[in-house]
Amino acid sequence: MQQSEMFALLERKIEEMLEEVELLRMEVAELRDAKAALESDKEESVRRLQSLLARFDEARDQQSAA
């Protein structure tokens, strides 16, 4: 294998690796967005659950007082 062929092969491999790195960066960005959305959903679910529990507590307290 001649030196020019080796450089061409090396250049192709480097380009492939750079493309792979870019794809991985895009995937990481998508995963970060998905994580943020999930955390937001979790916070909303926790807030709603706490609200429901507070209503149950109020109903129990009213029933106990009656």
PDB file of N, CA and C in Angstrom:
ATOM      1  N   MET A   1       0.861  -1.181   0.000  1.00  0.00           N
ATOM      2  CA  MET A   1       0.000   0.000   0.000  1.00  0.00           C
ATOM      3  C   MET A   1       0.897   1.230   0.000  1.00  0.00           C
ATOM      4  N   GLN A   2       0.626   2.134  -0.925  1.00  0.00           N
ATOM      5  CA  GLN A   2       1.437   3.333  -1.050  1.00  0.00           C
ATOM      6  C   GLN A   2       1.029   4.354  -0.006  1.00  0.00           C
ATOM      7  N   GLN A   3       1.939   5.284   0.188  1.00  0.00           N
ATOM      8  CA  GLN A   3       1.724   6.303   1.207  1.00  0.00           C
ATOM      9  C   GLN A   3       0.469   7.124   0.899  1.00  0.00           C
ATOM     10  N   SER A   4       0.243   7.469  -0.357  1.00  0.00           N
ATOM     11  CA  SER A   4      -0.939   8.262  -0.717  1.00  0.00           C
ATOM     12  C   SER A   4      -2.223   7.479  -0.446  1.00  0.00           C
ATOM     13  N   GLU A   5      -2.213   6.161  -0.673  1.00  0.00           N
ATOM     14  CA  GLU A   5      -3.382   5.336  -0.371  1.00  0.00           C
ATOM     15  C   GLU A   5      -3.632   5.277   1.131  1.00  0.00           C
ATOM     16  N   MET A   6      -2.548   5.204   1.887  1.00  0.00           N
ATOM     17  CA  MET A   6      -2.679   5.165   3.347  1.00  0.00           C
ATOM     18  C   MET A   6      -3.261   6.478   3.867  1.00  0.00           C
ATOM     19  N   PHE A   7      -2.797   7.604   3.296  1.00  0.00           N
ATOM     20  CA  PHE A   7      -3.337   8.898   3.711  1.00  0.00           C
ATOM     21  C   PHE A   7      -4.807   9.027   3.326  1.00  0.00           C
ATOM     22  N   ALA A   8      -5.187   8.543   2.169  1.00  0.00           N
ATOM     23  CA  ALA A   8      -6.586   8.594   1.742  1.00  0.00           C
ATOM     24  C   ALA A   8      -7.456   7.751   2.672  1.00  0.00           C
ATOM     25  N   LEU A   9      -6.967   6.573   3.016  1.00  0.00           N
ATOM     26  CA  LEU A   9      -7.701   5.708   3.938  1.00  0.00           C
ATOM     27  C   LEU A   9      -7.825   6.361   5.307  1.00  0.00           C
ATOM     28  N   LEU A  10      -6.738   6.933   5.784  1.00  0.00           N
ATOM     29  CA  LEU A  10      -6.751   7.620   7.075  1.00  0.00           C
ATOM     30  C   LEU A  10      -7.726   8.788   7.050  1.00  0.00           C
ATOM     31  N   GLU A  11      -7.722   9.531   5.951  1.00  0.00           N
ATOM     32  CA  GLU A  11      -8.624  10.667   5.819  1.00  0.00           C
ATOM     33  C   GLU A  11     -10.085  10.205   5.860  1.00  0.00           C
ATOM     34  N   ARG A  12     -10.418   9.134   5.170  1.00  0.00           N
ATOM     35  CA  ARG A  12     -11.783   8.594   5.190  1.00  0.00           C
ATOM     36  C   ARG A  12     -12.177   8.163   6.597  1.00  0.00           C
ATOM     37  N   LYS A  13     -11.257   7.488   7.286  1.00  0.00           N
ATOM     38  CA  LYS A  13     -11.554   7.039   8.647  1.00  0.00           C
ATOM     39  C   LYS A  13     -11.800   8.224   9.571  1.00  0.00           C
ATOM     40  N   ILE A  14     -10.989   9.258   9.423  1.00  0.00           N
ATOM     41  CA  ILE A  14     -11.160  10.449  10.261  1.00  0.00           C
ATOM     42  C   ILE A  14     -12.499  11.113   9.972  1.00  0.00           C
ATOM     43  N   GLU A  15     -12.866  11.216   8.689  1.00  0.00           N
ATOM     44  CA  GLU A  15     -14.161  11.800   8.335  1.00  0.00           C
ATOM     45  C   GLU A  15     -15.309  10.977   8.906  1.00  0.00           C
ATOM     46  N   GLU A  16     -15.208   9.662   8.843  1.00  0.00           N
ATOM     47  CA  GLU A  16     -16.241   8.796   9.415  1.00  0.00           C
ATOM     48  C   GLU A  16     -16.351   9.002  10.915  1.00  0.00           C
ATOM     49  N   MET A  17     -15.215   9.118  11.573  1.00  0.00           N
ATOM     50  CA  MET A  17     -15.235   9.325  13.023  1.00  0.00           C
ATOM     51  C   MET A  17     -15.823  10.683  13.375  1.00  0.00           C
ATOM     52  N   LEU A  18     -15.511  11.716  12.594  1.00  0.00           N
ATOM     53  CA  LEU A  18     -16.073  13.043  12.848  1.00  0.00           C
ATOM     54  C   LEU A  18     -17.588  13.044  12.651  1.00  0.00           C
ATOM     55  N   GLU A  19     -18.054  12.331  11.630  1.00  0.00           N
ATOM     56  CA  GLU A  19     -19.496  12.211  11.429  1.00  0.00           C
ATOM     57  C   GLU A  19     -20.150  11.486  12.601  1.00  0.00           C
ATOM     58  N   GLU A  20     -19.499  10.440  13.077  1.00  0.00           N
ATOM     59  CA  GLU A  20     -20.029   9.689  14.218  1.00  0.00           C
ATOM     60  C   GLU A  20     -20.078  10.565  15.469  1.00  0.00           C
ATOM     61  N   VAL A  21     -19.044  11.365  15.668  1.00  0.00           N
ATOM     62  CA  VAL A  21     -19.025  12.276  16.821  1.00  0.00           C
ATOM     63  C   VAL A  21     -20.175  13.274  16.715  1.00  0.00           C
ATOM     64  N   GLU A  22     -20.406  13.805  15.528  1.00  0.00           N
ATOM     65  CA  GLU A  22     -21.499  14.757  15.347  1.00  0.00           C
ATOM     66  C   GLU A  22     -22.854  14.098  15.614  1.00  0.00           C
ATOM     67  N   LEU A  23     -23.032  12.874  15.133  1.00  0.00           N
ATOM     68  CA  LEU A  23     -24.277  12.154  15.403  1.00  0.00           C
ATOM     69  C   LEU A  23     -24.462  11.917  16.900  1.00  0.00           C
ATOM     70  N   LEU A  24     -23.390  11.581  17.575  1.00  0.00           N
ATOM     71  CA  LEU A  24     -23.472  11.356  19.024  1.00  0.00           C
ATOM     72  C   LEU A  24     -23.797  12.649  19.757  1.00  0.00           C
ATOM     73  N   ARG A  25     -23.237  13.757  19.298  1.00  0.00           N
ATOM     74  CA  ARG A  25     -23.561  15.051  19.921  1.00  0.00           C
ATOM     75  C   ARG A  25     -25.037  15.377  19.752  1.00  0.00           C
ATOM     76  N   MET A  26     -25.562  15.104  18.566  1.00  0.00           N
ATOM     77  CA  MET A  26     -26.987  15.343  18.334  1.00  0.00           C
ATOM     78  C   MET A  26     -27.831  14.442  19.224  1.00  0.00           C
ATOM     79  N   GLU A  27     -27.418  13.196  19.373  1.00  0.00           N
ATOM     80  CA  GLU A  27     -28.158  12.268  20.227  1.00  0.00           C
ATOM     81  C   GLU A  27     -28.125  12.725  21.683  1.00  0.00           C
ATOM     82  N   VAL A  28     -26.976  13.199  22.126  1.00  0.00           N
ATOM     83  CA  VAL A  28     -26.858  13.702  23.497  1.00  0.00           C
ATOM     84  C   VAL A  28     -27.796  14.891  23.699  1.00  0.00           C
ATOM     85  N   ALA A  29     -27.855  15.789  22.723  1.00  0.00           N
ATOM     86  CA  ALA A  29     -28.746  16.943  22.828  1.00  0.00           C
ATOM     87  C   ALA A  29     -30.204  16.487  22.910  1.00  0.00           C
ATOM     88  N   GLU A  30     -30.578  15.505  22.087  1.00  0.00           N
ATOM     89  CA  GLU A  30     -31.946  14.979  22.130  1.00  0.00           C
ATOM     90  C   GLU A  30     -32.242  14.338  23.480  1.00  0.00           C
ATOM     91  N   LEU A  31     -31.271  13.598  24.000  1.00  0.00           N
ATOM     92  CA  LEU A  31     -31.472  12.948  25.292  1.00  0.00           C
ATOM     93  C   LEU A  31     -31.592  13.974  26.414  1.00  0.00           C
ATOM     94  N   ARG A  32     -30.829  15.046  26.329  1.00  0.00           N
ATOM     95  CA  ARG A  32     -30.952  16.107  27.343  1.00  0.00           C
ATOM     96  C   ARG A  32     -32.335  16.740  27.298  1.00  0.00           C
ATOM     97  N   ASP A  33     -32.830  16.978  26.078  1.00  0.00           N
ATOM     98  CA  ASP A  33     -34.177  17.537  25.945  1.00  0.00           C
ATOM     99  C   ASP A  33     -35.226  16.583  26.511  1.00  0.00           C
ATOM    100  N   ALA A  34     -35.073  15.302  26.201  1.00  0.00           N
ATOM    101  CA  ALA A  34     -36.020  14.299  26.700  1.00  0.00           C
ATOM    102  C   ALA A  34     -35.962  14.233  28.226  1.00  0.00           C
ATOM    103  N   LYS A  35     -34.764  14.305  28.779  1.00  0.00           N
ATOM    104  CA  LYS A  35     -34.607  14.269  30.236  1.00  0.00           C
ATOM    105  C   LYS A  35     -35.297  15.474  30.870  1.00  0.00           C
ATOM    106  N   ALA A  36     -35.109  16.639  30.274  1.00  0.00           N
ATOM    107  CA  ALA A  36     -35.745  17.847  30.814  1.00  0.00           C
ATOM    108  C   ALA A  36     -37.266  17.715  30.766  1.00  0.00           C
ATOM    109  N   ALA A  37     -37.781  17.166  29.677  1.00  0.00           N
ATOM    110  CA  ALA A  37     -39.236  16.981  29.563  1.00  0.00           C
ATOM    111  C   ALA A  37     -39.731  15.995  30.612  1.00  0.00           C
ATOM    112  N   LEU A  38     -38.998  14.919  30.816  1.00  0.00           N
ATOM    113  CA  LEU A  38     -39.398  13.929  31.821  1.00  0.00           C
ATOM    114  C   LEU A  38     -39.360  14.516  33.223  1.00  0.00           C
ATOM    115  N   GLU A  39     -38.332  15.314  33.506  1.00  0.00           N
ATOM    116  CA  GLU A  39     -38.253  15.937  34.830  1.00  0.00           C
ATOM    117  C   GLU A  39     -39.413  16.898  35.040  1.00  0.00           C
ATOM    118  N   SER A  40     -39.770  17.617  33.989  1.00  0.00           N
ATOM    119  CA  SER A  40     -40.908  18.528  34.078  1.00  0.00           C
ATOM    120  C   SER A  40     -42.203  17.751  34.323  1.00  0.00           C
ATOM    121  N   ASP A  41     -42.376  16.657  33.590  1.00  0.00           N
ATOM    122  CA  ASP A  41     -43.559  15.812  33.793  1.00  0.00           C
ATOM    123  C   ASP A  41     -43.594  15.249  35.207  1.00  0.00           C
ATOM    124  N   LYS A  42     -42.447  14.846  35.699  1.00  0.00           N
ATOM    125  CA  LYS A  42     -42.373  14.298  37.055  1.00  0.00           C
ATOM    126  C   LYS A  42     -42.769  15.359  38.071  1.00  0.00           C
ATOM    127  N   GLU A  43     -42.253  16.573  37.909  1.00  0.00           N
ATOM    128  CA  GLU A  43     -42.585  17.647  38.848  1.00  0.00           C
ATOM    129  C   GLU A  43     -44.076  17.942  38.838  1.00  0.00           C
ATOM    130  N   GLU A  44     -44.664  17.950  37.637  1.00  0.00           N
ATOM    131  CA  GLU A  44     -46.105  18.189  37.530  1.00  0.00           C
ATOM    132  C   GLU A  44     -46.898  17.062  38.190  1.00  0.00           C
ATOM    133  N   SER A  45     -46.460  15.824  37.995  1.00  0.00           N
ATOM    134  CA  SER A  45     -47.152  14.679  38.600  1.00  0.00           C
ATOM    135  C   SER A  45     -47.055  14.730  40.121  1.00  0.00           C
ATOM    136  N   VAL A  46     -45.886  15.079  40.629  1.00  0.00           N
ATOM    137  CA  VAL A  46     -45.704  15.177  42.076  1.00  0.00           C
ATOM    138  C   VAL A  46     -46.594  16.283  42.637  1.00  0.00           C
ATOM    139  N   ARG A  47     -46.644  17.419  41.943  1.00  0.00           N
ATOM    140  CA  ARG A  47     -47.481  18.526  42.390  1.00  0.00           C
ATOM    141  C   ARG A  47     -48.959  18.117  42.435  1.00  0.00           C
ATOM    142  N   ARG A  48     -49.398  17.438  41.388  1.00  0.00           N
ATOM    143  CA  ARG A  48     -50.799  17.001  41.347  1.00  0.00           C
ATOM    144  C   ARG A  48     -51.096  15.971  42.428  1.00  0.00           C
ATOM    145  N   LEU A  49     -50.171  15.051  42.649  1.00  0.00           N
ATOM    146  CA  LEU A  49     -50.358  14.040  43.683  1.00  0.00           C
ATOM    147  C   LEU A  49     -50.414  14.681  45.067  1.00  0.00           C
ATOM    148  N   GLN A  50     -49.534  15.649  45.307  1.00  0.00           N
ATOM    149  CA  GLN A  50     -49.559  16.335  46.602  1.00  0.00           C
ATOM    150  C   GLN A  50     -50.868  17.078  46.799  1.00  0.00           C
ATOM    151  N   SER A  51     -51.388  17.646  45.724  1.00  0.00           N
ATOM    152  CA  SER A  51     -52.675  18.338  45.807  1.00  0.00           C
ATOM    153  C   SER A  51     -53.796  17.360  46.152  1.00  0.00           C
ATOM    154  N   LEU A  52     -53.791  16.197  45.500  1.00  0.00           N
ATOM    155  CA  LEU A  52     -54.808  15.187  45.809  1.00  0.00           C
ATOM    156  C   LEU A  52     -54.696  14.695  47.247  1.00  0.00           C
ATOM    157  N   LEU A  53     -53.475  14.459  47.698  1.00  0.00           N
ATOM    158  CA  LEU A  53     -53.287  14.007  49.079  1.00  0.00           C
ATOM    159  C   LEU A  53     -53.768  15.056  50.074  1.00  0.00           C
ATOM    160  N   ALA A  54     -53.523  16.320  49.763  1.00  0.00           N
ATOM    161  CA  ALA A  54     -53.991  17.392  50.648  1.00  0.00           C
ATOM    162  C   ALA A  54     -55.516  17.401  50.698  1.00  0.00           C
ATOM    163  N   ARG A  55     -56.162  17.158  49.566  1.00  0.00           N
ATOM    164  CA  ARG A  55     -57.628  17.122  49.551  1.00  0.00           C
ATOM    165  C   ARG A  55     -58.152  15.938  50.367  1.00  0.00           C
ATOM    166  N   PHE A  56     -57.476  14.786  50.261  1.00  0.00           N
ATOM    167  CA  PHE A  56     -57.876  13.636  51.078  1.00  0.00           C
ATOM    168  C   PHE A  56     -57.719  13.951  52.567  1.00  0.00           C
ATOM    169  N   ASP A  57     -56.604  14.606  52.899  1.00  0.00           N
ATOM    170  CA  ASP A  57     -56.392  14.982  54.308  1.00  0.00           C
ATOM    171  C   ASP A  57     -57.479  15.919  54.795  1.00  0.00           C
ATOM    172  N   GLU A  58     -57.858  16.890  53.960  1.00  0.00           N
ATOM    173  CA  GLU A  58     -58.919  17.827  54.332  1.00  0.00           C
ATOM    174  C   GLU A  58     -60.238  17.087  54.539  1.00  0.00           C
ATOM    175  N   ALA A  59     -60.546  16.170  53.635  1.00  0.00           N
ATOM    176  CA  ALA A  59     -61.797  15.408  53.747  1.00  0.00           C
ATOM    177  C   ALA A  59     -61.788  14.558  55.016  1.00  0.00           C
ATOM    178  N   ARG A  60     -60.642  13.953  55.317  1.00  0.00           N
ATOM    179  CA  ARG A  60     -60.534  13.131  56.530  1.00  0.00           C
ATOM    180  C   ARG A  60     -60.695  13.992  57.776  1.00  0.00           C
ATOM    181  N   ASP A  61     -60.058  15.167  57.762  1.00  0.00           N
ATOM    182  CA  ASP A  61     -60.153  16.064  58.914  1.00  0.00           C
ATOM    183  C   ASP A  61     -61.583  16.561  59.109  1.00  0.00           C
ATOM    184  N   GLN A  62     -62.269  16.844  58.016  1.00  0.00           N
ATOM    185  CA  GLN A  62     -63.660  17.294  58.119  1.00  0.00           C
ATOM    186  C   GLN A  62     -64.552  16.177  58.634  1.00  0.00           C
ATOM    187  N   GLN A  63     -64.258  14.950  58.212  1.00  0.00           N
ATOM    188  CA  GLN A  63     -65.050  13.819  58.655  1.00  0.00           C
ATOM    189  C   GLN A  63     -64.801  13.546  60.140  1.00  0.00           C
ATOM    190  N   SER A  64     -63.556  13.730  60.565  1.00  0.00           N
ATOM    191  CA  SER A  64     -63.220  13.507  61.976  1.00  0.00           C
ATOM    192  C   SER A  64     -63.878  14.562  62.863  1.00  0.00           C
ATOM    193  N   ALA A  65     -63.961  15.783  62.353  1.00  0.00           N
ATOM    194  CA  ALA A  65     -64.548  16.879  63.126  1.00  0.00           C
ATOM    195  C   ALA A  65     -66.066  16.751  63.220  1.00  0.00           C
ATOM    196  N   ALA A  66     -66.658  16.041  62.303  1.00  0.00           N
ATOM    197  CA  ALA A  66     -68.124  15.941  62.274  1.00  0.00           C
ATOM    198  C   ALA A  66     -68.652  14.962  63.279  1.00  0.00           C
TER     199      ALA A  66
END
